[in-house]
Amino acid sequence: VQLQASGGGLVQAGGSLRLPCVASGRILSIDNMGWYRQALGKQRELVALVTSGGSPTYADSVSGRFTISRDNAKKTVDLQMNSLKPEDTGVYYCHADRVTYYTMTPTSEYVMGATDAWGQGTQVTVSS
C-alpha cells in the first residue's frame, strides 16, 4: 500500500493550491483519509480528514478556506486550499486510516491485512 502526494509549491498570501493524493496497491477499502501538516519546529497536526462516507472535519485554522474531497473508486483524496496565509506553510502529508488490503501467498491463497499509510510529504510555502 502506497500513498503518492503532489501539488505543493510556492504561492503568495491569498493564493490557492490543490494537493492531490492517490493510494495504490491491492486495496479493498480505506476508512478515513486526510491531510496533516508539519511546520518547521512544530509537531505534525491534522488539517482535514474525510470519512469513507464523505463527511469532512477541519482544523479550526483552515475551516472555511480549505476543502477536502475523496473519490473512493479512484482511491484519491484532494485538498483544495484557498486564501492561503503564511502560517499555512509546512510539509503536508496525506494519510489513509485502516487500509484493508490483500496479498497472495506462495500457495495462491489470499490473505487480508490492514494498515495505516502515509504519503511522502509535499512542501507548501506561502509568502507574505
N, C-alpha and C. Protein backbone atom coordinates (compact mmCIF):
# COMPACT_ATOMS: atom_id res chain seq x y z
N VAL A 1 0.87 -1.19 0.00
CA VAL A 1 0.00 0.00 0.00
C VAL A 1 0.90 1.23 0.00
N GLN A 2 0.65 2.14 -0.93
CA GLN A 2 1.44 3.37 -1.00
C GLN A 2 0.51 4.56 -1.23
N LEU A 3 0.91 5.70 -0.68
CA LEU A 3 0.22 6.96 -0.94
C LEU A 3 1.19 7.89 -1.66
N GLN A 4 0.73 8.48 -2.74
CA GLN A 4 1.55 9.41 -3.51
C GLN A 4 0.90 10.78 -3.49
N ALA A 5 1.58 11.73 -2.84
CA ALA A 5 1.06 13.10 -2.74
C ALA A 5 1.82 13.99 -3.70
N SER A 6 1.18 15.04 -4.15
CA SER A 6 1.82 16.01 -5.03
C SER A 6 1.12 17.36 -4.89
N GLY A 7 1.56 18.34 -5.69
CA GLY A 7 0.83 19.60 -5.77
C GLY A 7 1.36 20.73 -4.91
N GLY A 8 2.39 20.48 -4.11
CA GLY A 8 2.92 21.57 -3.30
C GLY A 8 3.64 22.61 -4.13
N GLY A 9 4.04 23.69 -3.48
CA GLY A 9 4.76 24.73 -4.19
C GLY A 9 4.81 26.01 -3.41
N LEU A 10 5.24 27.06 -4.10
CA LEU A 10 5.36 28.39 -3.51
C LEU A 10 4.23 29.26 -4.04
N VAL A 11 3.52 29.92 -3.16
CA VAL A 11 2.40 30.76 -3.55
C VAL A 11 2.37 31.99 -2.65
N GLN A 12 1.85 33.08 -3.18
CA GLN A 12 1.72 34.30 -2.38
C GLN A 12 0.50 34.21 -1.47
N ALA A 13 0.53 34.95 -0.40
CA ALA A 13 -0.61 35.00 0.52
C ALA A 13 -1.87 35.40 -0.26
N GLY A 14 -2.96 34.70 0.04
CA GLY A 14 -4.20 34.93 -0.67
C GLY A 14 -4.40 34.01 -1.85
N GLY A 15 -3.36 33.31 -2.24
CA GLY A 15 -3.43 32.41 -3.38
C GLY A 15 -4.02 31.06 -3.03
N SER A 16 -4.00 30.17 -4.03
CA SER A 16 -4.61 28.84 -3.88
C SER A 16 -3.64 27.76 -4.36
N LEU A 17 -3.80 26.58 -3.78
CA LEU A 17 -3.10 25.38 -4.22
C LEU A 17 -4.04 24.20 -4.04
N ARG A 18 -3.82 23.18 -4.86
CA ARG A 18 -4.57 21.94 -4.73
C ARG A 18 -3.58 20.80 -4.53
N LEU A 19 -3.82 20.01 -3.50
CA LEU A 19 -2.94 18.87 -3.20
C LEU A 19 -3.69 17.57 -3.48
N PRO A 20 -3.33 16.85 -4.52
CA PRO A 20 -3.92 15.54 -4.75
C PRO A 20 -3.08 14.43 -4.11
N CYS A 21 -3.75 13.35 -3.75
CA CYS A 21 -3.07 12.19 -3.18
C CYS A 21 -3.80 10.95 -3.67
N VAL A 22 -3.04 9.95 -4.12
CA VAL A 22 -3.65 8.72 -4.62
C VAL A 22 -3.04 7.53 -3.89
N ALA A 23 -3.90 6.60 -3.52
CA ALA A 23 -3.46 5.35 -2.88
C ALA A 23 -3.36 4.26 -3.93
N SER A 24 -2.34 3.42 -3.80
CA SER A 24 -2.18 2.31 -4.74
C SER A 24 -1.84 1.04 -4.00
N GLY A 25 -2.08 -0.06 -4.65
CA GLY A 25 -1.84 -1.38 -4.06
C GLY A 25 -3.10 -2.20 -4.14
N ARG A 26 -3.05 -3.38 -3.56
CA ARG A 26 -4.20 -4.30 -3.60
C ARG A 26 -5.15 -3.92 -2.46
N ILE A 27 -5.84 -2.83 -2.66
CA ILE A 27 -6.66 -2.22 -1.61
C ILE A 27 -8.11 -2.62 -1.75
N LEU A 28 -8.68 -3.03 -0.65
CA LEU A 28 -10.10 -3.37 -0.62
C LEU A 28 -10.94 -2.22 -0.11
N SER A 29 -10.46 -1.52 0.91
CA SER A 29 -11.22 -0.41 1.46
C SER A 29 -10.29 0.48 2.27
N ILE A 30 -10.73 1.73 2.46
CA ILE A 30 -9.99 2.69 3.28
C ILE A 30 -10.99 3.41 4.18
N ASP A 31 -10.70 3.50 5.47
CA ASP A 31 -11.58 4.26 6.37
C ASP A 31 -11.35 5.75 6.12
N ASN A 32 -10.93 6.48 7.12
CA ASN A 32 -10.71 7.91 6.94
C ASN A 32 -9.49 8.18 6.06
N MET A 33 -9.57 9.25 5.28
CA MET A 33 -8.41 9.77 4.56
C MET A 33 -8.25 11.23 4.94
N GLY A 34 -7.03 11.68 5.03
CA GLY A 34 -6.85 13.05 5.48
C GLY A 34 -5.53 13.66 5.10
N TRP A 35 -5.38 14.89 5.49
CA TRP A 35 -4.15 15.65 5.29
C TRP A 35 -3.68 16.21 6.62
N TYR A 36 -2.39 16.08 6.86
CA TYR A 36 -1.74 16.64 8.03
C TYR A 36 -0.64 17.58 7.54
N ARG A 37 -0.17 18.44 8.42
CA ARG A 37 0.96 19.30 8.05
C ARG A 37 1.89 19.44 9.25
N GLN A 38 3.13 19.75 8.91
CA GLN A 38 4.14 19.96 9.94
C GLN A 38 4.97 21.18 9.58
N ALA A 39 4.86 22.21 10.39
CA ALA A 39 5.68 23.40 10.21
C ALA A 39 7.03 23.18 10.86
N LEU A 40 8.00 23.94 10.45
CA LEU A 40 9.35 23.80 10.97
C LEU A 40 9.37 24.00 12.48
N GLY A 41 9.89 23.02 13.19
CA GLY A 41 9.99 23.11 14.64
C GLY A 41 8.71 22.82 15.40
N LYS A 42 7.67 22.39 14.68
CA LYS A 42 6.40 22.11 15.33
C LYS A 42 5.98 20.66 15.10
N GLN A 43 5.01 20.23 15.87
CA GLN A 43 4.50 18.87 15.71
C GLN A 43 3.56 18.78 14.52
N ARG A 44 3.45 17.59 13.99
CA ARG A 44 2.51 17.35 12.90
C ARG A 44 1.09 17.53 13.43
N GLU A 45 0.24 18.20 12.65
CA GLU A 45 -1.13 18.46 13.08
C GLU A 45 -2.11 18.09 11.98
N LEU A 46 -3.30 17.74 12.40
CA LEU A 46 -4.36 17.42 11.45
C LEU A 46 -4.84 18.69 10.78
N VAL A 47 -4.97 18.66 9.47
CA VAL A 47 -5.55 19.77 8.72
C VAL A 47 -7.01 19.48 8.39
N ALA A 48 -7.24 18.30 7.82
CA ALA A 48 -8.60 17.91 7.45
C ALA A 48 -8.64 16.42 7.21
N LEU A 49 -9.79 15.83 7.47
CA LEU A 49 -9.98 14.43 7.13
C LEU A 49 -11.40 14.24 6.62
N VAL A 50 -11.58 13.14 5.90
CA VAL A 50 -12.90 12.83 5.35
C VAL A 50 -13.14 11.34 5.55
N THR A 51 -14.34 11.00 6.01
CA THR A 51 -14.67 9.59 6.25
C THR A 51 -14.95 8.89 4.93
N SER A 52 -15.07 7.57 5.00
CA SER A 52 -15.40 6.81 3.80
C SER A 52 -16.76 7.20 3.25
N GLY A 53 -17.61 7.74 4.10
CA GLY A 53 -18.93 8.19 3.66
C GLY A 53 -18.95 9.61 3.16
N GLY A 54 -17.80 10.30 3.23
CA GLY A 54 -17.71 11.64 2.68
C GLY A 54 -17.89 12.77 3.67
N SER A 55 -17.94 12.49 4.96
CA SER A 55 -18.11 13.55 5.96
C SER A 55 -16.76 14.17 6.31
N PRO A 56 -16.61 15.48 6.13
CA PRO A 56 -15.33 16.13 6.39
C PRO A 56 -15.22 16.71 7.80
N THR A 57 -14.00 16.81 8.26
CA THR A 57 -13.67 17.51 9.50
C THR A 57 -12.47 18.39 9.23
N TYR A 58 -12.48 19.61 9.75
CA TYR A 58 -11.40 20.56 9.50
C TYR A 58 -10.84 21.10 10.80
N ALA A 59 -9.56 21.41 10.78
CA ALA A 59 -8.97 22.16 11.87
C ALA A 59 -9.57 23.56 11.85
N ASP A 60 -9.71 24.15 13.04
CA ASP A 60 -10.31 25.49 13.12
C ASP A 60 -9.54 26.50 12.26
N SER A 61 -8.25 26.32 12.19
CA SER A 61 -7.40 27.29 11.49
C SER A 61 -7.62 27.30 9.98
N VAL A 62 -8.22 26.26 9.43
CA VAL A 62 -8.40 26.19 7.98
C VAL A 62 -9.87 26.14 7.57
N SER A 63 -10.75 26.02 8.53
CA SER A 63 -12.18 25.92 8.23
C SER A 63 -12.64 27.15 7.45
N GLY A 64 -13.36 26.89 6.37
CA GLY A 64 -13.84 27.97 5.53
C GLY A 64 -12.88 28.35 4.41
N ARG A 65 -11.65 27.87 4.49
CA ARG A 65 -10.67 28.19 3.44
C ARG A 65 -10.24 26.93 2.67
N PHE A 66 -10.20 25.79 3.35
CA PHE A 66 -9.77 24.54 2.74
C PHE A 66 -10.97 23.63 2.54
N THR A 67 -10.89 22.81 1.49
CA THR A 67 -11.93 21.83 1.22
C THR A 67 -11.27 20.49 0.90
N ILE A 68 -11.70 19.45 1.62
CA ILE A 68 -11.18 18.11 1.38
C ILE A 68 -12.23 17.30 0.65
N SER A 69 -11.79 16.48 -0.28
CA SER A 69 -12.71 15.63 -1.02
C SER A 69 -12.02 14.31 -1.34
N ARG A 70 -12.81 13.27 -1.54
CA ARG A 70 -12.23 11.98 -1.88
C ARG A 70 -13.08 11.28 -2.92
N ASP A 71 -12.43 10.40 -3.65
CA ASP A 71 -13.10 9.57 -4.63
C ASP A 71 -12.76 8.14 -4.26
N ASN A 72 -13.72 7.41 -3.72
CA ASN A 72 -13.45 6.06 -3.24
C ASN A 72 -13.08 5.11 -4.38
N ALA A 73 -13.68 5.29 -5.52
CA ALA A 73 -13.38 4.41 -6.65
C ALA A 73 -11.95 4.61 -7.14
N LYS A 74 -11.50 5.86 -7.16
CA LYS A 74 -10.14 6.16 -7.63
C LYS A 74 -9.12 6.12 -6.50
N LYS A 75 -9.60 5.99 -5.25
CA LYS A 75 -8.73 5.94 -4.07
C LYS A 75 -7.89 7.22 -3.97
N THR A 76 -8.55 8.35 -4.14
CA THR A 76 -7.86 9.64 -4.06
C THR A 76 -8.46 10.50 -2.96
N VAL A 77 -7.63 11.38 -2.42
CA VAL A 77 -8.10 12.41 -1.50
C VAL A 77 -7.38 13.69 -1.90
N ASP A 78 -8.16 14.74 -2.12
CA ASP A 78 -7.62 16.03 -2.55
C ASP A 78 -7.89 17.09 -1.50
N LEU A 79 -6.97 18.03 -1.41
CA LEU A 79 -7.13 19.16 -0.50
C LEU A 79 -7.04 20.44 -1.33
N GLN A 80 -8.14 21.16 -1.42
CA GLN A 80 -8.15 22.45 -2.10
C GLN A 80 -7.93 23.52 -1.06
N MET A 81 -6.88 24.31 -1.23
CA MET A 81 -6.52 25.32 -0.25
C MET A 81 -6.65 26.70 -0.89
N ASN A 82 -7.54 27.49 -0.34
CA ASN A 82 -7.77 28.86 -0.82
C ASN A 82 -7.41 29.86 0.26
N SER A 83 -7.26 31.10 -0.14
CA SER A 83 -6.95 32.19 0.80
C SER A 83 -5.79 31.81 1.71
N LEU A 84 -4.74 31.33 1.11
CA LEU A 84 -3.60 30.83 1.89
C LEU A 84 -2.92 31.95 2.67
N LYS A 85 -2.43 31.57 3.84
CA LYS A 85 -1.74 32.50 4.74
C LYS A 85 -0.31 32.00 4.98
N PRO A 86 0.58 32.89 5.36
CA PRO A 86 1.96 32.44 5.64
C PRO A 86 2.00 31.34 6.69
N GLU A 87 1.08 31.36 7.65
CA GLU A 87 1.07 30.33 8.69
C GLU A 87 0.62 28.97 8.18
N ASP A 88 0.20 28.88 6.94
CA ASP A 88 -0.13 27.58 6.33
C ASP A 88 1.13 26.88 5.79
N THR A 89 2.24 27.56 5.85
CA THR A 89 3.49 26.99 5.36
C THR A 89 3.88 25.74 6.14
N GLY A 90 4.32 24.71 5.43
CA GLY A 90 4.76 23.49 6.08
C GLY A 90 4.83 22.35 5.08
N VAL A 91 5.19 21.18 5.58
CA VAL A 91 5.16 19.97 4.77
C VAL A 91 3.81 19.30 5.00
N TYR A 92 3.12 19.01 3.93
CA TYR A 92 1.80 18.42 4.00
C TYR A 92 1.87 16.93 3.67
N TYR A 93 1.23 16.14 4.51
CA TYR A 93 1.25 14.69 4.35
C TYR A 93 -0.18 14.17 4.20
N CYS A 94 -0.40 13.32 3.23
CA CYS A 94 -1.70 12.66 3.19
C CYS A 94 -1.62 11.36 4.00
N HIS A 95 -2.76 10.95 4.50
CA HIS A 95 -2.82 9.79 5.39
C HIS A 95 -4.07 8.98 5.08
N ALA A 96 -3.93 7.69 5.15
CA ALA A 96 -5.06 6.78 5.00
C ALA A 96 -5.14 5.91 6.24
N ASP A 97 -6.30 5.93 6.86
CA ASP A 97 -6.52 5.23 8.12
C ASP A 97 -7.17 3.87 7.85
N ARG A 98 -6.61 2.84 8.42
CA ARG A 98 -7.10 1.47 8.31
C ARG A 98 -7.38 1.10 6.85
N VAL A 99 -6.33 0.90 6.13
CA VAL A 99 -6.41 0.43 4.75
C VAL A 99 -6.47 -1.09 4.78
N THR A 100 -7.55 -1.64 4.29
CA THR A 100 -7.69 -3.10 4.19
C THR A 100 -7.18 -3.53 2.82
N TYR A 101 -6.26 -4.48 2.82
CA TYR A 101 -5.64 -4.89 1.55
C TYR A 101 -5.55 -6.41 1.52
N TYR A 102 -5.16 -6.95 0.39
CA TYR A 102 -4.96 -8.39 0.29
C TYR A 102 -3.63 -8.69 -0.39
N THR A 103 -3.09 -9.82 -0.03
CA THR A 103 -1.90 -10.34 -0.69
C THR A 103 -2.13 -11.80 -1.03
N MET A 104 -1.28 -12.32 -1.87
CA MET A 104 -1.39 -13.73 -2.26
C MET A 104 -0.17 -14.48 -1.76
N THR A 105 -0.40 -15.62 -1.10
CA THR A 105 0.69 -16.43 -0.58
C THR A 105 1.32 -17.25 -1.71
N PRO A 106 2.48 -17.84 -1.46
CA PRO A 106 3.10 -18.73 -2.48
C PRO A 106 2.21 -19.89 -2.88
N THR A 107 1.25 -20.24 -2.03
CA THR A 107 0.32 -21.33 -2.36
C THR A 107 -0.96 -20.79 -2.98
N SER A 108 -0.91 -19.53 -3.45
CA SER A 108 -2.04 -18.91 -4.16
C SER A 108 -3.26 -18.72 -3.28
N GLU A 109 -3.05 -18.52 -1.99
CA GLU A 109 -4.16 -18.21 -1.09
C GLU A 109 -4.18 -16.70 -0.87
N TYR A 110 -5.36 -16.14 -0.77
CA TYR A 110 -5.49 -14.72 -0.48
C TYR A 110 -5.49 -14.49 1.02
N VAL A 111 -4.72 -13.53 1.45
CA VAL A 111 -4.65 -13.16 2.86
C VAL A 111 -4.94 -11.67 2.98
N MET A 112 -5.81 -11.33 3.90
CA MET A 112 -6.15 -9.92 4.10
C MET A 112 -5.34 -9.33 5.24
N GLY A 113 -5.09 -8.05 5.14
CA GLY A 113 -4.41 -7.32 6.20
C GLY A 113 -4.93 -5.91 6.30
N ALA A 114 -4.49 -5.19 7.31
CA ALA A 114 -4.91 -3.80 7.48
C ALA A 114 -3.72 -2.99 7.99
N THR A 115 -3.64 -1.77 7.53
CA THR A 115 -2.53 -0.91 7.94
C THR A 115 -2.92 0.54 7.76
N ASP A 116 -2.20 1.43 8.44
CA ASP A 116 -2.28 2.84 8.14
C ASP A 116 -1.20 3.16 7.11
N ALA A 117 -1.36 4.24 6.39
CA ALA A 117 -0.36 4.61 5.39
C ALA A 117 -0.20 6.12 5.34
N TRP A 118 1.05 6.55 5.11
CA TRP A 118 1.38 7.97 4.98
C TRP A 118 2.00 8.21 3.61
N GLY A 119 1.67 9.36 3.03
CA GLY A 119 2.36 9.80 1.83
C GLY A 119 3.71 10.39 2.18
N GLN A 120 4.49 10.73 1.17
CA GLN A 120 5.87 11.15 1.38
C GLN A 120 6.02 12.61 1.80
N GLY A 121 4.97 13.40 1.75
CA GLY A 121 5.05 14.80 2.13
C GLY A 121 5.33 15.70 0.94
N THR A 122 4.66 16.83 0.92
CA THR A 122 4.88 17.81 -0.13
C THR A 122 4.94 19.20 0.51
N GLN A 123 5.92 19.99 0.10
CA GLN A 123 6.17 21.29 0.73
C GLN A 123 5.21 22.35 0.18
N VAL A 124 4.61 23.08 1.10
CA VAL A 124 3.78 24.24 0.75
C VAL A 124 4.40 25.45 1.43
N THR A 125 4.72 26.47 0.64
CA THR A 125 5.30 27.69 1.18
C THR A 125 4.45 28.87 0.74
N VAL A 126 3.98 29.63 1.72
CA VAL A 126 3.14 30.80 1.44
C VAL A 126 3.93 32.05 1.84
N SER A 127 4.19 32.89 0.88
CA SER A 127 4.97 34.10 1.13
C SER A 127 4.03 35.27 1.44
N SER A 128 4.50 36.17 2.28
CA SER A 128 3.66 37.32 2.68
C SER A 128 3.84 38.49 1.73
